[in-house]
Amino acid sequence: MTMRSQVDNYEYRNGFPPVVLTNVDTAQVSAIIDTQGFQSLTWLIHTGTLTDANATFTVLIEDGNDSGLSDAAAVADIFLDPLEADADFTFAEDLVVRKIAYTGPKRYVRCTVTPAGNDAGAAPLSCMAQLGNPARLETAGNV
């Protein structure tokens, strides 16, 4: 069987670049992602080696129709897979990628990861948005 490339099925956007949170509980807020032209968005949250022994991390997905998200609201559970609580993680989850898919009706979406108890160590994190199911696939003639 011949393998097929998925290069035209996805587009990637930076949520927030790699950052190391050392002894702080500063929320990391992603860029606002415009979903126009795509039918799905998956947030990929990557952890490095988490050295704090009691830190927890909460994920929040917000959406809205204003490009600056002045109308931001927490996304209804029906539009998330898995739920935000299932994407949360703790200090014990080194070198993992958490994912949470958004299939809601709003055009603009952002992801926030908020640490708590990160008071005695480092928490390396990054976040990326994977847009999928484009309305129009690129072809050799229109790249």
N, C-alpha and C. Protein backbone atom coordinates (compact mmCIF):
# COMPACT_ATOMS: atom_id res chain seq x y z
N MET A 1 0.84 -1.17 0.00
CA MET A 1 0.00 0.00 0.00
C MET A 1 0.89 1.24 0.00
N THR A 2 0.53 2.23 -0.79
CA THR A 2 1.29 3.47 -0.88
C THR A 2 0.85 4.43 0.21
N MET A 3 1.82 5.04 0.89
CA MET A 3 1.52 6.04 1.92
C MET A 3 1.12 7.34 1.23
N ARG A 4 0.17 8.05 1.81
CA ARG A 4 -0.25 9.35 1.28
C ARG A 4 0.15 10.44 2.24
N SER A 5 0.60 11.53 1.70
CA SER A 5 1.00 12.68 2.51
C SER A 5 -0.23 13.40 3.06
N GLN A 6 -0.10 13.91 4.27
CA GLN A 6 -1.16 14.70 4.88
C GLN A 6 -0.80 16.18 4.92
N VAL A 7 0.26 16.55 4.17
CA VAL A 7 0.77 17.91 4.25
C VAL A 7 -0.30 18.95 3.91
N ASP A 8 -1.23 18.64 3.04
CA ASP A 8 -2.27 19.60 2.67
C ASP A 8 -3.51 19.53 3.56
N ASN A 9 -3.53 18.58 4.49
CA ASN A 9 -4.70 18.42 5.35
C ASN A 9 -4.65 19.25 6.63
N TYR A 10 -3.46 19.77 6.97
CA TYR A 10 -3.28 20.49 8.22
C TYR A 10 -2.48 21.76 8.02
N GLU A 11 -2.75 22.71 8.89
CA GLU A 11 -1.93 23.92 8.96
C GLU A 11 -1.62 24.14 10.43
N TYR A 12 -0.42 24.57 10.74
CA TYR A 12 0.02 24.74 12.12
C TYR A 12 0.27 26.21 12.42
N ARG A 13 -0.14 26.61 13.62
CA ARG A 13 0.09 27.97 14.08
C ARG A 13 0.67 27.92 15.49
N ASN A 14 1.51 28.89 15.79
CA ASN A 14 2.10 28.98 17.12
C ASN A 14 1.04 29.42 18.12
N GLY A 15 0.86 28.66 19.18
CA GLY A 15 -0.02 29.08 20.27
C GLY A 15 0.78 30.00 21.18
N PHE A 16 1.71 29.42 21.91
CA PHE A 16 2.74 30.20 22.59
C PHE A 16 4.05 29.43 22.47
N PRO A 17 5.15 30.15 22.26
CA PRO A 17 6.44 29.50 22.04
C PRO A 17 6.92 28.83 23.33
N PRO A 18 7.92 27.96 23.21
CA PRO A 18 8.45 27.32 24.41
C PRO A 18 8.87 28.36 25.46
N VAL A 19 8.45 28.08 26.68
CA VAL A 19 8.75 28.97 27.80
C VAL A 19 9.06 28.08 29.01
N VAL A 20 9.92 28.55 29.88
CA VAL A 20 10.19 27.83 31.13
C VAL A 20 9.70 28.70 32.27
N LEU A 21 8.69 28.23 32.97
CA LEU A 21 8.15 28.94 34.14
C LEU A 21 8.90 28.44 35.36
N THR A 22 9.68 29.31 35.98
CA THR A 22 10.47 28.91 37.14
C THR A 22 9.92 29.59 38.39
N ASN A 23 9.39 28.78 39.29
CA ASN A 23 8.87 29.24 40.58
C ASN A 23 7.79 30.32 40.43
N VAL A 24 6.97 30.23 39.40
CA VAL A 24 5.88 31.18 39.20
C VAL A 24 4.63 30.45 38.70
N ASP A 25 3.50 31.08 38.95
CA ASP A 25 2.21 30.54 38.49
C ASP A 25 1.60 31.46 37.44
N THR A 26 2.39 31.90 36.50
CA THR A 26 1.93 32.82 35.48
C THR A 26 1.19 32.07 34.37
N ALA A 27 -0.05 32.48 34.12
CA ALA A 27 -0.84 31.86 33.05
C ALA A 27 -0.19 32.13 31.71
N GLN A 28 -0.18 31.12 30.85
CA GLN A 28 0.34 31.24 29.50
C GLN A 28 -0.85 31.29 28.54
N VAL A 29 -1.01 32.42 27.88
CA VAL A 29 -2.16 32.64 27.00
C VAL A 29 -1.67 32.57 25.56
N SER A 30 -2.33 31.76 24.77
CA SER A 30 -1.91 31.58 23.39
C SER A 30 -2.30 32.77 22.52
N ALA A 31 -1.74 32.76 21.34
CA ALA A 31 -2.20 33.68 20.30
C ALA A 31 -3.66 33.33 19.98
N ILE A 32 -4.38 34.29 19.45
CA ILE A 32 -5.75 34.05 19.01
C ILE A 32 -5.68 33.42 17.62
N ILE A 33 -6.32 32.29 17.47
CA ILE A 33 -6.26 31.55 16.21
C ILE A 33 -7.55 31.79 15.42
N ASP A 34 -7.38 32.20 14.17
CA ASP A 34 -8.50 32.40 13.25
C ASP A 34 -8.76 31.07 12.54
N THR A 35 -9.94 30.53 12.72
CA THR A 35 -10.27 29.22 12.16
C THR A 35 -10.93 29.30 10.79
N GLN A 36 -11.04 30.49 10.22
CA GLN A 36 -11.71 30.62 8.93
C GLN A 36 -11.04 29.72 7.89
N GLY A 37 -11.86 28.97 7.16
CA GLY A 37 -11.36 28.07 6.12
C GLY A 37 -11.04 26.68 6.63
N PHE A 38 -11.25 26.42 7.91
CA PHE A 38 -10.98 25.11 8.50
C PHE A 38 -12.19 24.64 9.30
N GLN A 39 -12.34 23.34 9.40
CA GLN A 39 -13.47 22.77 10.14
C GLN A 39 -13.09 22.26 11.51
N SER A 40 -11.81 22.23 11.83
CA SER A 40 -11.40 21.74 13.15
C SER A 40 -10.12 22.43 13.60
N LEU A 41 -9.93 22.43 14.89
CA LEU A 41 -8.73 22.99 15.52
C LEU A 41 -8.37 22.08 16.68
N THR A 42 -7.13 21.65 16.72
CA THR A 42 -6.64 20.86 17.85
C THR A 42 -5.48 21.60 18.49
N TRP A 43 -5.57 21.81 19.79
CA TRP A 43 -4.49 22.42 20.55
C TRP A 43 -3.55 21.31 21.00
N LEU A 44 -2.26 21.52 20.82
CA LEU A 44 -1.23 20.58 21.26
C LEU A 44 -0.38 21.29 22.31
N ILE A 45 -0.42 20.77 23.53
CA ILE A 45 0.32 21.37 24.64
C ILE A 45 1.43 20.39 25.02
N HIS A 46 2.67 20.84 24.89
CA HIS A 46 3.83 19.98 25.12
C HIS A 46 4.52 20.38 26.41
N THR A 47 4.82 19.39 27.25
CA THR A 47 5.57 19.65 28.47
C THR A 47 7.00 19.16 28.32
N GLY A 48 7.88 19.84 29.02
CA GLY A 48 9.25 19.36 29.14
C GLY A 48 9.35 18.58 30.45
N THR A 49 10.54 18.60 31.06
CA THR A 49 10.71 17.95 32.35
C THR A 49 10.24 18.91 33.44
N LEU A 50 9.16 18.55 34.11
CA LEU A 50 8.55 19.39 35.14
C LEU A 50 9.20 19.05 36.48
N THR A 51 9.93 20.01 37.05
CA THR A 51 10.73 19.71 38.23
C THR A 51 10.07 20.05 39.55
N ASP A 52 8.95 20.75 39.53
CA ASP A 52 8.25 21.06 40.78
C ASP A 52 7.51 19.80 41.23
N ALA A 53 7.43 19.58 42.52
CA ALA A 53 6.85 18.33 43.04
C ALA A 53 5.37 18.44 43.40
N ASN A 54 4.74 19.59 43.17
CA ASN A 54 3.31 19.68 43.50
C ASN A 54 2.52 20.55 42.53
N ALA A 55 3.12 20.93 41.41
CA ALA A 55 2.44 21.82 40.46
C ALA A 55 1.32 21.10 39.71
N THR A 56 0.26 21.85 39.45
CA THR A 56 -0.83 21.38 38.60
C THR A 56 -1.04 22.42 37.50
N PHE A 57 -1.62 22.00 36.38
CA PHE A 57 -1.80 22.86 35.23
C PHE A 57 -3.22 22.71 34.70
N THR A 58 -3.91 23.83 34.59
CA THR A 58 -5.30 23.84 34.15
C THR A 58 -5.38 24.44 32.76
N VAL A 59 -6.16 23.79 31.89
CA VAL A 59 -6.32 24.23 30.52
C VAL A 59 -7.70 24.88 30.36
N LEU A 60 -7.72 26.02 29.68
CA LEU A 60 -8.97 26.74 29.38
C LEU A 60 -8.99 27.07 27.90
N ILE A 61 -10.08 26.73 27.22
CA ILE A 61 -10.26 27.07 25.82
C ILE A 61 -11.39 28.09 25.74
N GLU A 62 -11.13 29.22 25.07
CA GLU A 62 -12.13 30.27 24.89
C GLU A 62 -12.32 30.54 23.41
N ASP A 63 -13.55 30.97 23.06
CA ASP A 63 -13.82 31.32 21.68
C ASP A 63 -14.68 32.57 21.60
N GLY A 64 -14.78 33.12 20.40
CA GLY A 64 -15.60 34.30 20.17
C GLY A 64 -15.59 34.66 18.70
N ASN A 65 -16.35 35.68 18.35
CA ASN A 65 -16.42 36.13 16.95
C ASN A 65 -15.64 37.41 16.70
N ASP A 66 -15.13 38.04 17.76
CA ASP A 66 -14.33 39.25 17.61
C ASP A 66 -12.86 38.86 17.46
N SER A 67 -12.16 39.46 16.50
CA SER A 67 -10.77 39.08 16.23
C SER A 67 -9.84 39.33 17.42
N GLY A 68 -10.20 40.23 18.33
CA GLY A 68 -9.41 40.46 19.53
C GLY A 68 -9.94 39.69 20.72
N LEU A 69 -10.96 38.89 20.50
CA LEU A 69 -11.65 38.10 21.53
C LEU A 69 -12.17 38.95 22.68
N SER A 70 -12.66 40.16 22.36
CA SER A 70 -13.30 40.97 23.40
C SER A 70 -14.58 40.30 23.87
N ASP A 71 -15.09 39.36 23.08
CA ASP A 71 -16.30 38.60 23.43
C ASP A 71 -15.96 37.18 23.91
N ALA A 72 -14.73 36.96 24.34
CA ALA A 72 -14.27 35.62 24.73
C ALA A 72 -15.15 35.01 25.81
N ALA A 73 -15.44 33.73 25.61
CA ALA A 73 -16.20 32.96 26.60
C ALA A 73 -15.64 31.55 26.63
N ALA A 74 -15.72 30.91 27.78
CA ALA A 74 -15.29 29.52 27.88
C ALA A 74 -16.13 28.68 26.92
N VAL A 75 -15.48 27.77 26.22
CA VAL A 75 -16.14 26.94 25.22
C VAL A 75 -17.03 25.91 25.92
N ALA A 76 -18.22 25.72 25.38
CA ALA A 76 -19.14 24.71 25.89
C ALA A 76 -18.53 23.32 25.67
N ASP A 77 -18.73 22.44 26.64
CA ASP A 77 -18.15 21.10 26.58
C ASP A 77 -18.49 20.34 25.30
N ILE A 78 -19.65 20.59 24.74
CA ILE A 78 -20.08 19.87 23.54
C ILE A 78 -19.13 20.09 22.36
N PHE A 79 -18.36 21.18 22.39
CA PHE A 79 -17.46 21.51 21.29
C PHE A 79 -16.00 21.12 21.56
N LEU A 80 -15.74 20.40 22.65
CA LEU A 80 -14.38 20.00 23.01
C LEU A 80 -14.25 18.49 23.11
N ASP A 81 -13.12 17.97 22.66
CA ASP A 81 -12.84 16.54 22.77
C ASP A 81 -11.34 16.36 22.95
N PRO A 82 -10.89 15.91 24.11
CA PRO A 82 -11.65 15.63 25.32
C PRO A 82 -12.05 16.94 26.00
N LEU A 83 -12.65 16.82 27.16
CA LEU A 83 -13.00 18.00 27.94
C LEU A 83 -11.73 18.65 28.49
N GLU A 84 -11.84 19.92 28.84
CA GLU A 84 -10.67 20.63 29.37
C GLU A 84 -10.07 19.92 30.58
N ALA A 85 -10.90 19.41 31.46
CA ALA A 85 -10.39 18.73 32.66
C ALA A 85 -9.52 17.53 32.28
N ASP A 86 -9.82 16.89 31.16
CA ASP A 86 -9.03 15.75 30.71
C ASP A 86 -7.70 16.18 30.10
N ALA A 87 -7.59 17.44 29.72
CA ALA A 87 -6.33 17.96 29.17
C ALA A 87 -5.43 18.54 30.26
N ASP A 88 -5.99 18.77 31.46
CA ASP A 88 -5.18 19.26 32.58
C ASP A 88 -4.08 18.24 32.90
N PHE A 89 -3.01 18.70 33.53
CA PHE A 89 -1.93 17.78 33.87
C PHE A 89 -1.24 18.22 35.15
N THR A 90 -0.35 17.36 35.65
CA THR A 90 0.36 17.63 36.90
C THR A 90 1.87 17.56 36.67
N PHE A 91 2.59 17.84 37.73
CA PHE A 91 4.05 17.79 37.74
C PHE A 91 4.60 16.44 37.32
N ALA A 92 3.82 15.39 37.44
CA ALA A 92 4.28 14.03 37.16
C ALA A 92 4.24 13.67 35.67
N GLU A 93 3.79 14.60 34.84
CA GLU A 93 3.61 14.28 33.42
C GLU A 93 4.67 14.98 32.56
N ASP A 94 5.89 14.49 32.72
CA ASP A 94 7.02 15.02 31.95
C ASP A 94 6.96 14.54 30.51
N LEU A 95 7.39 15.43 29.61
CA LEU A 95 7.60 15.08 28.21
C LEU A 95 6.37 14.44 27.57
N VAL A 96 5.22 15.05 27.78
CA VAL A 96 3.98 14.56 27.17
C VAL A 96 3.39 15.65 26.27
N VAL A 97 2.52 15.21 25.40
CA VAL A 97 1.76 16.14 24.57
C VAL A 97 0.29 15.91 24.90
N ARG A 98 -0.35 16.95 25.42
CA ARG A 98 -1.78 16.93 25.68
C ARG A 98 -2.46 17.52 24.46
N LYS A 99 -3.61 17.00 24.12
CA LYS A 99 -4.34 17.55 22.99
C LYS A 99 -5.80 17.74 23.36
N ILE A 100 -6.36 18.78 22.77
CA ILE A 100 -7.77 19.05 22.99
C ILE A 100 -8.33 19.66 21.71
N ALA A 101 -9.35 19.03 21.17
CA ALA A 101 -9.92 19.44 19.89
C ALA A 101 -11.11 20.36 20.10
N TYR A 102 -11.19 21.37 19.24
CA TYR A 102 -12.30 22.33 19.22
C TYR A 102 -13.02 22.21 17.89
N THR A 103 -14.34 22.05 17.94
CA THR A 103 -15.15 21.98 16.72
C THR A 103 -16.35 22.92 16.83
N GLY A 104 -16.17 24.02 17.54
CA GLY A 104 -17.27 24.94 17.79
C GLY A 104 -17.58 25.88 16.64
N PRO A 105 -18.61 26.70 16.83
CA PRO A 105 -19.11 27.57 15.77
C PRO A 105 -18.43 28.93 15.67
N LYS A 106 -17.57 29.27 16.62
CA LYS A 106 -16.97 30.60 16.64
C LYS A 106 -15.70 30.63 15.78
N ARG A 107 -15.37 31.82 15.29
CA ARG A 107 -14.24 31.94 14.37
C ARG A 107 -12.89 32.02 15.07
N TYR A 108 -12.83 32.63 16.23
CA TYR A 108 -11.55 32.87 16.92
C TYR A 108 -11.47 32.06 18.21
N VAL A 109 -10.29 31.47 18.46
CA VAL A 109 -10.12 30.57 19.61
C VAL A 109 -8.75 30.80 20.23
N ARG A 110 -8.68 30.68 21.55
CA ARG A 110 -7.38 30.72 22.23
C ARG A 110 -7.36 29.68 23.36
N CYS A 111 -6.14 29.37 23.76
CA CYS A 111 -5.89 28.37 24.80
C CYS A 111 -5.06 29.02 25.90
N THR A 112 -5.44 28.78 27.14
CA THR A 112 -4.67 29.27 28.28
C THR A 112 -4.29 28.09 29.16
N VAL A 113 -3.03 28.03 29.55
CA VAL A 113 -2.55 27.02 30.49
C VAL A 113 -2.11 27.76 31.74
N THR A 114 -2.75 27.43 32.87
CA THR A 114 -2.47 28.12 34.12
C THR A 114 -1.89 27.16 35.14
N PRO A 115 -0.65 27.40 35.57
CA PRO A 115 -0.06 26.57 36.62
C PRO A 115 -0.50 27.03 38.00
N ALA A 116 -0.48 26.10 38.93
CA ALA A 116 -0.72 26.39 40.35
C ALA A 116 0.26 25.55 41.15
N GLY A 117 0.84 26.14 42.17
CA GLY A 117 1.78 25.42 43.03
C GLY A 117 3.16 25.23 42.42
N ASN A 118 3.45 25.95 41.35
CA ASN A 118 4.78 25.85 40.73
C ASN A 118 5.73 26.77 41.49
N ASP A 119 6.05 26.37 42.72
CA ASP A 119 6.80 27.26 43.61
C ASP A 119 8.20 26.76 43.94
N ALA A 120 8.59 25.64 43.36
CA ALA A 120 9.92 25.12 43.70
C ALA A 120 10.53 24.36 42.53
N GLY A 121 10.35 24.89 41.34
CA GLY A 121 10.92 24.19 40.20
C GLY A 121 10.59 24.86 38.89
N ALA A 122 10.93 24.18 37.82
CA ALA A 122 10.75 24.71 36.47
C ALA A 122 9.67 23.93 35.73
N ALA A 123 8.94 24.65 34.90
CA ALA A 123 7.89 24.04 34.09
C ALA A 123 8.04 24.49 32.64
N PRO A 124 8.73 23.71 31.82
CA PRO A 124 8.83 24.04 30.41
C PRO A 124 7.55 23.64 29.67
N LEU A 125 6.99 24.59 28.90
CA LEU A 125 5.73 24.35 28.18
C LEU A 125 5.78 25.01 26.81
N SER A 126 5.00 24.49 25.90
CA SER A 126 4.73 25.17 24.64
C SER A 126 3.35 24.75 24.17
N CYS A 127 2.81 25.51 23.23
CA CYS A 127 1.46 25.25 22.74
C CYS A 127 1.41 25.54 21.25
N MET A 128 0.76 24.66 20.50
CA MET A 128 0.63 24.81 19.06
C MET A 128 -0.81 24.52 18.67
N ALA A 129 -1.27 25.20 17.63
CA ALA A 129 -2.61 24.96 17.09
C ALA A 129 -2.49 24.22 15.77
N GLN A 130 -3.24 23.14 15.64
CA GLN A 130 -3.29 22.38 14.40
C GLN A 130 -4.67 22.58 13.79
N LEU A 131 -4.73 23.29 12.69
CA LEU A 131 -5.99 23.50 11.98
C LEU A 131 -6.16 22.37 10.97
N GLY A 132 -7.36 21.81 10.91
CA GLY A 132 -7.58 20.67 10.02
C GLY A 132 -8.86 20.77 9.23
N ASN A 133 -9.01 19.83 8.33
CA ASN A 133 -10.18 19.75 7.46
C ASN A 133 -10.40 21.06 6.72
N PRO A 134 -9.41 21.47 5.91
CA PRO A 134 -9.56 22.75 5.21
C PRO A 134 -10.69 22.71 4.19
N ALA A 135 -11.28 23.86 3.99
CA ALA A 135 -12.36 23.97 3.00
C ALA A 135 -11.82 23.74 1.60
N ARG A 136 -10.54 24.08 1.40
CA ARG A 136 -9.92 23.93 0.08
C ARG A 136 -8.52 23.35 0.25
N LEU A 137 -8.26 22.24 -0.39
CA LEU A 137 -6.94 21.64 -0.33
C LEU A 137 -6.01 22.28 -1.34
N GLU A 138 -4.76 22.48 -0.94
CA GLU A 138 -3.75 23.02 -1.85
C GLU A 138 -3.39 21.93 -2.87
N THR A 139 -3.13 22.35 -4.06
CA THR A 139 -2.65 21.43 -5.10
C THR A 139 -1.42 22.04 -5.73
N ALA A 140 -0.73 21.24 -6.55
CA ALA A 140 0.49 21.73 -7.19
C ALA A 140 0.23 22.98 -8.01
N GLY A 141 -0.98 23.16 -8.52
CA GLY A 141 -1.29 24.30 -9.36
C GLY A 141 -1.56 25.58 -8.61
N ASN A 142 -1.82 25.51 -7.29
CA ASN A 142 -2.14 26.75 -6.57
C ASN A 142 -1.34 26.93 -5.29
N VAL A 143 -0.19 26.31 -5.22
CA VAL A 143 0.67 26.48 -4.05
C VAL A 143 1.37 27.81 -4.13
